[in-house]
Amino acid sequence: MDNELPTNIIAVITTKQENLKGGGVPVFISKDKDELQQTSSRLEKILDASAHEIDQNTMIIVAH
């Protein structure tokens, strides 16, 4: 439907800084998988958005 709002990636959280290839959104580097989960959970709540796991080292925060 035309009334739906667009979905946007608003942040990336990763433990693998070497995998970053460019930007357009804020990127948070975590030291390990536990910090990755904590950071994505906090951002999800703060930004009223959804966290999605891309792989074991990367999460994205998406606004719907």
PDB file of N, CA and C in Angstrom:
ATOM      1  N   MET A   1       0.828  -1.181   0.000  1.00  0.00           N
ATOM      2  CA  MET A   1       0.000   0.000   0.000  1.00  0.00           C
ATOM      3  C   MET A   1       0.878   1.251   0.000  1.00  0.00           C
ATOM      4  N   ASP A   2       0.359   2.309  -0.516  1.00  0.00           N
ATOM      5  CA  ASP A   2       1.103   3.558  -0.586  1.00  0.00           C
ATOM      6  C   ASP A   2       1.195   4.274   0.753  1.00  0.00           C
ATOM      7  N   ASN A   3       0.376   3.902   1.722  1.00  0.00           N
ATOM      8  CA  ASN A   3       0.369   4.570   3.018  1.00  0.00           C
ATOM      9  C   ASN A   3       1.430   4.030   3.968  1.00  0.00           C
ATOM     10  N   GLU A   4       2.152   2.990   3.581  1.00  0.00           N
ATOM     11  CA  GLU A   4       3.164   2.406   4.451  1.00  0.00           C
ATOM     12  C   GLU A   4       4.414   3.272   4.476  1.00  0.00           C
ATOM     13  N   LEU A   5       5.006   3.389   5.672  1.00  0.00           N
ATOM     14  CA  LEU A   5       6.248   4.125   5.812  1.00  0.00           C
ATOM     15  C   LEU A   5       7.409   3.266   5.338  1.00  0.00           C
ATOM     16  N   PRO A   6       8.457   3.878   4.816  1.00  0.00           N
ATOM     17  CA  PRO A   6       9.611   3.101   4.354  1.00  0.00           C
ATOM     18  C   PRO A   6      10.370   2.475   5.528  1.00  0.00           C
ATOM     19  N   THR A   7      11.054   1.391   5.255  1.00  0.00           N
ATOM     20  CA  THR A   7      11.918   0.743   6.234  1.00  0.00           C
ATOM     21  C   THR A   7      13.333   1.240   6.001  1.00  0.00           C
ATOM     22  N   ASN A   8      13.990   1.671   7.086  1.00  0.00           N
ATOM     23  CA  ASN A   8      15.341   2.228   6.967  1.00  0.00           C
ATOM     24  C   ASN A   8      16.276   1.584   7.972  1.00  0.00           C
ATOM     25  N   ILE A   9      17.490   1.273   7.536  1.00  0.00           N
ATOM     26  CA  ILE A   9      18.539   0.852   8.458  1.00  0.00           C
ATOM     27  C   ILE A   9      19.059   2.124   9.113  1.00  0.00           C
ATOM     28  N   ILE A  10      19.034   2.173  10.455  1.00  0.00           N
ATOM     29  CA  ILE A  10      19.445   3.393  11.144  1.00  0.00           C
ATOM     30  C   ILE A  10      20.725   3.226  11.949  1.00  0.00           C
ATOM     31  N   ALA A  11      21.221   1.985  12.086  1.00  0.00           N
ATOM     32  CA  ALA A  11      22.503   1.765  12.773  1.00  0.00           C
ATOM     33  C   ALA A  11      23.010   0.368  12.460  1.00  0.00           C
ATOM     34  N   VAL A  12      24.324   0.202  12.571  1.00  0.00           N
ATOM     35  CA  VAL A  12      24.975  -1.100  12.410  1.00  0.00           C
ATOM     36  C   VAL A  12      25.851  -1.315  13.631  1.00  0.00           C
ATOM     37  N   ILE A  13      25.819  -2.536  14.177  1.00  0.00           N
ATOM     38  CA  ILE A  13      26.684  -2.915  15.282  1.00  0.00           C
ATOM     39  C   ILE A  13      27.459  -4.143  14.830  1.00  0.00           C
ATOM     40  N   THR A  14      28.789  -4.120  14.997  1.00  0.00           N
ATOM     41  CA  THR A  14      29.602  -5.238  14.537  1.00  0.00           C
ATOM     42  C   THR A  14      30.798  -5.474  15.445  1.00  0.00           C
ATOM     43  N   THR A  15      31.301  -6.686  15.421  1.00  0.00           N
ATOM     44  CA  THR A  15      32.548  -7.017  16.111  1.00  0.00           C
ATOM     45  C   THR A  15      33.704  -7.074  15.117  1.00  0.00           C
ATOM     46  N   LYS A  16      33.415  -6.934  13.841  1.00  0.00           N
ATOM     47  CA  LYS A  16      34.420  -7.058  12.774  1.00  0.00           C
ATOM     48  C   LYS A  16      34.567  -5.747  12.014  1.00  0.00           C
ATOM     49  N   GLN A  17      35.320  -4.829  12.568  1.00  0.00           N
ATOM     50  CA  GLN A  17      35.520  -3.531  11.939  1.00  0.00           C
ATOM     51  C   GLN A  17      36.080  -3.666  10.526  1.00  0.00           C
ATOM     52  N   GLU A  18      36.878  -4.686  10.287  1.00  0.00           N
ATOM     53  CA  GLU A  18      37.488  -4.865   8.965  1.00  0.00           C
ATOM     54  C   GLU A  18      36.464  -5.171   7.876  1.00  0.00           C
ATOM     55  N   ASN A  19      35.239  -5.545   8.224  1.00  0.00           N
ATOM     56  CA  ASN A  19      34.206  -5.846   7.239  1.00  0.00           C
ATOM     57  C   ASN A  19      33.440  -4.607   6.770  1.00  0.00           C
ATOM     58  N   LEU A  20      33.687  -3.450   7.375  1.00  0.00           N
ATOM     59  CA  LEU A  20      32.971  -2.235   7.004  1.00  0.00           C
ATOM     60  C   LEU A  20      33.457  -1.727   5.652  1.00  0.00           C
ATOM     61  N   LYS A  21      32.509  -1.324   4.798  1.00  0.00           N
ATOM     62  CA  LYS A  21      32.851  -0.911   3.442  1.00  0.00           C
ATOM     63  C   LYS A  21      32.322   0.469   3.069  1.00  0.00           C
ATOM     64  N   GLY A  22      31.831   1.225   3.976  1.00  0.00           N
ATOM     65  CA  GLY A  22      31.248   2.512   3.626  1.00  0.00           C
ATOM     66  C   GLY A  22      30.184   2.830   4.636  1.00  0.00           C
ATOM     67  N   GLY A  23      29.408   3.819   4.370  1.00  0.00           N
ATOM     68  CA  GLY A  23      28.484   4.158   5.426  1.00  0.00           C
ATOM     69  C   GLY A  23      27.234   4.848   4.982  1.00  0.00           C
ATOM     70  N   GLY A  24      26.811   5.698   5.850  1.00  0.00           N
ATOM     71  CA  GLY A  24      25.547   6.375   5.671  1.00  0.00           C
ATOM     72  C   GLY A  24      24.727   6.271   6.941  1.00  0.00           C
ATOM     73  N   VAL A  25      25.127   5.364   7.822  1.00  0.00           N
ATOM     74  CA  VAL A  25      24.471   5.202   9.118  1.00  0.00           C
ATOM     75  C   VAL A  25      25.550   5.105  10.200  1.00  0.00           C
ATOM     76  N   PRO A  26      25.190   5.402  11.444  1.00  0.00           N
ATOM     77  CA  PRO A  26      26.165   5.229  12.531  1.00  0.00           C
ATOM     78  C   PRO A  26      26.561   3.762  12.673  1.00  0.00           C
ATOM     79  N   VAL A  27      27.837   3.533  12.970  1.00  0.00           N
ATOM     80  CA  VAL A  27      28.362   2.187  13.168  1.00  0.00           C
ATOM     81  C   VAL A  27      28.954   2.105  14.574  1.00  0.00           C
ATOM     82  N   PHE A  28      28.586   1.063  15.303  1.00  0.00           N
ATOM     83  CA  PHE A  28      29.094   0.821  16.647  1.00  0.00           C
ATOM     84  C   PHE A  28      29.948  -0.441  16.604  1.00  0.00           C
ATOM     85  N   ILE A  29      31.186  -0.334  17.090  1.00  0.00           N
ATOM     86  CA  ILE A  29      32.105  -1.464  17.119  1.00  0.00           C
ATOM     87  C   ILE A  29      32.066  -2.066  18.519  1.00  0.00           C
ATOM     88  N   SER A  30      31.782  -3.353  18.602  1.00  0.00           N
ATOM     89  CA  SER A  30      31.740  -4.060  19.879  1.00  0.00           C
ATOM     90  C   SER A  30      32.948  -4.957  20.009  1.00  0.00           C
ATOM     91  N   LYS A  31      33.411  -5.153  21.253  1.00  0.00           N
ATOM     92  CA  LYS A  31      34.614  -5.961  21.466  1.00  0.00           C
ATOM     93  C   LYS A  31      34.344  -7.455  21.392  1.00  0.00           C
ATOM     94  N   ASP A  32      33.088  -7.868  21.661  1.00  0.00           N
ATOM     95  CA  ASP A  32      32.745  -9.289  21.616  1.00  0.00           C
ATOM     96  C   ASP A  32      31.242  -9.457  21.374  1.00  0.00           C
ATOM     97  N   LYS A  33      30.806 -10.699  21.282  1.00  0.00           N
ATOM     98  CA  LYS A  33      29.404 -10.985  20.960  1.00  0.00           C
ATOM     99  C   LYS A  33      28.453 -10.550  22.063  1.00  0.00           C
ATOM    100  N   ASP A  34      28.895 -10.617  23.330  1.00  0.00           N
ATOM    101  CA  ASP A  34      28.042 -10.167  24.434  1.00  0.00           C
ATOM    102  C   ASP A  34      27.785  -8.666  24.341  1.00  0.00           C
ATOM    103  N   GLU A  35      28.838  -7.911  24.084  1.00  0.00           N
ATOM    104  CA  GLU A  35      28.680  -6.461  23.937  1.00  0.00           C
ATOM    105  C   GLU A  35      27.839  -6.133  22.703  1.00  0.00           C
ATOM    106  N   LEU A  36      27.984  -6.912  21.652  1.00  0.00           N
ATOM    107  CA  LEU A  36      27.174  -6.752  20.439  1.00  0.00           C
ATOM    108  C   LEU A  36      25.695  -6.866  20.780  1.00  0.00           C
ATOM    109  N   GLN A  37      25.335  -7.889  21.533  1.00  0.00           N
ATOM    110  CA  GLN A  37      23.934  -8.104  21.924  1.00  0.00           C
ATOM    111  C   GLN A  37      23.431  -6.987  22.838  1.00  0.00           C
ATOM    112  N   GLN A  38      24.253  -6.588  23.803  1.00  0.00           N
ATOM    113  CA  GLN A  38      23.854  -5.521  24.731  1.00  0.00           C
ATOM    114  C   GLN A  38      23.636  -4.199  23.994  1.00  0.00           C
ATOM    115  N   THR A  39      24.555  -3.853  23.130  1.00  0.00           N
ATOM    116  CA  THR A  39      24.453  -2.590  22.395  1.00  0.00           C
ATOM    117  C   THR A  39      23.237  -2.593  21.478  1.00  0.00           C
ATOM    118  N   SER A  40      23.024  -3.679  20.762  1.00  0.00           N
ATOM    119  CA  SER A  40      21.872  -3.726  19.852  1.00  0.00           C
ATOM    120  C   SER A  40      20.562  -3.685  20.620  1.00  0.00           C
ATOM    121  N   SER A  41      20.516  -4.332  21.768  1.00  0.00           N
ATOM    122  CA  SER A  41      19.302  -4.306  22.589  1.00  0.00           C
ATOM    123  C   SER A  41      19.009  -2.897  23.104  1.00  0.00           C
ATOM    124  N   ARG A  42      20.038  -2.216  23.557  1.00  0.00           N
ATOM    125  CA  ARG A  42      19.851  -0.848  24.054  1.00  0.00           C
ATOM    126  C   ARG A  42      19.417   0.097  22.938  1.00  0.00           C
ATOM    127  N   LEU A  43      20.069   0.010  21.782  1.00  0.00           N
ATOM    128  CA  LEU A  43      19.703   0.874  20.661  1.00  0.00           C
ATOM    129  C   LEU A  43      18.281   0.588  20.187  1.00  0.00           C
ATOM    130  N   GLU A  44      17.907  -0.667  20.182  1.00  0.00           N
ATOM    131  CA  GLU A  44      16.552  -1.055  19.788  1.00  0.00           C
ATOM    132  C   GLU A  44      15.525  -0.342  20.669  1.00  0.00           C
ATOM    133  N   LYS A  45      15.762  -0.327  21.968  1.00  0.00           N
ATOM    134  CA  LYS A  45      14.830   0.322  22.905  1.00  0.00           C
ATOM    135  C   LYS A  45      14.882   1.842  22.777  1.00  0.00           C
ATOM    136  N   ILE A  46      16.078   2.397  22.744  1.00  0.00           N
ATOM    137  CA  ILE A  46      16.235   3.855  22.690  1.00  0.00           C
ATOM    138  C   ILE A  46      15.614   4.427  21.418  1.00  0.00           C
ATOM    139  N   LEU A  47      15.829   3.768  20.290  1.00  0.00           N
ATOM    140  CA  LEU A  47      15.381   4.277  18.999  1.00  0.00           C
ATOM    141  C   LEU A  47      13.985   3.802  18.612  1.00  0.00           C
ATOM    142  N   ASP A  48      13.367   2.988  19.479  1.00  0.00           N
ATOM    143  CA  ASP A  48      12.048   2.425  19.192  1.00  0.00           C
ATOM    144  C   ASP A  48      12.050   1.777  17.812  1.00  0.00           C
ATOM    145  N   ALA A  49      13.009   0.876  17.630  1.00  0.00           N
ATOM    146  CA  ALA A  49      13.222   0.215  16.344  1.00  0.00           C
ATOM    147  C   ALA A  49      13.397  -1.285  16.574  1.00  0.00           C
ATOM    148  N   SER A  50      13.774  -2.006  15.551  1.00  0.00           N
ATOM    149  CA  SER A  50      13.955  -3.458  15.643  1.00  0.00           C
ATOM    150  C   SER A  50      15.403  -3.833  15.346  1.00  0.00           C
ATOM    151  N   ALA A  51      15.928  -4.752  16.131  1.00  0.00           N
ATOM    152  CA  ALA A  51      17.280  -5.268  15.905  1.00  0.00           C
ATOM    153  C   ALA A  51      17.178  -6.557  15.100  1.00  0.00           C
ATOM    154  N   HIS A  52      18.048  -6.702  14.114  1.00  0.00           N
ATOM    155  CA  HIS A  52      18.065  -7.888  13.269  1.00  0.00           C
ATOM    156  C   HIS A  52      19.498  -8.389  13.136  1.00  0.00           C
ATOM    157  N   GLU A  53      19.673  -9.695  13.308  1.00  0.00           N
ATOM    158  CA  GLU A  53      20.997 -10.302  13.186  1.00  0.00           C
ATOM    159  C   GLU A  53      21.284 -10.592  11.719  1.00  0.00           C
ATOM    160  N   ILE A  54      22.397 -10.048  11.238  1.00  0.00           N
ATOM    161  CA  ILE A  54      22.833 -10.300   9.863  1.00  0.00           C
ATOM    162  C   ILE A  54      23.690 -11.570   9.834  1.00  0.00           C
ATOM    163  N   ASP A  55      24.631 -11.645  10.766  1.00  0.00           N
ATOM    164  CA  ASP A  55      25.425 -12.852  10.988  1.00  0.00           C
ATOM    165  C   ASP A  55      25.869 -12.813  12.443  1.00  0.00           C
ATOM    166  N   GLN A  56      26.696 -13.749  12.853  1.00  0.00           N
ATOM    167  CA  GLN A  56      27.076 -13.819  14.259  1.00  0.00           C
ATOM    168  C   GLN A  56      27.894 -12.619  14.735  1.00  0.00           C
ATOM    169  N   ASN A  57      28.372 -11.809  13.806  1.00  0.00           N
ATOM    170  CA  ASN A  57      29.194 -10.664  14.153  1.00  0.00           C
ATOM    171  C   ASN A  57      28.545  -9.320  13.861  1.00  0.00           C
ATOM    172  N   THR A  58      27.349  -9.315  13.288  1.00  0.00           N
ATOM    173  CA  THR A  58      26.750  -8.057  12.832  1.00  0.00           C
ATOM    174  C   THR A  58      25.247  -8.027  13.091  1.00  0.00           C
ATOM    175  N   MET A  59      24.808  -6.891  13.664  1.00  0.00           N
ATOM    176  CA  MET A  59      23.395  -6.623  13.868  1.00  0.00           C
ATOM    177  C   MET A  59      23.086  -5.299  13.184  1.00  0.00           C
ATOM    178  N   ILE A  60      21.836  -5.146  12.730  1.00  0.00           N
ATOM    179  CA  ILE A  60      21.384  -3.854  12.219  1.00  0.00           C
ATOM    180  C   ILE A  60      20.173  -3.425  13.029  1.00  0.00           C
ATOM    181  N   ILE A  61      19.992  -2.121  13.137  1.00  0.00           N
ATOM    182  CA  ILE A  61      18.810  -1.561  13.765  1.00  0.00           C
ATOM    183  C   ILE A  61      17.976  -0.961  12.642  1.00  0.00           C
ATOM    184  N   VAL A  62      16.708  -1.365  12.588  1.00  0.00           N
ATOM    185  CA  VAL A  62      15.831  -0.995  11.482  1.00  0.00           C
ATOM    186  C   VAL A  62      14.605  -0.275  12.027  1.00  0.00           C
ATOM    187  N   ALA A  63      14.286   0.875  11.430  1.00  0.00           N
ATOM    188  CA  ALA A  63      13.063   1.608  11.753  1.00  0.00           C
ATOM    189  C   ALA A  63      12.026   1.238  10.705  1.00  0.00           C
ATOM    190  N   HIS A  64      10.868   0.814  11.171  1.00  0.00           N
ATOM    191  CA  HIS A  64       9.772   0.414  10.260  1.00  0.00           C
ATOM    192  C   HIS A  64       8.717   1.502  10.213  1.00  0.00           C
TER     193      HIS A  64
END
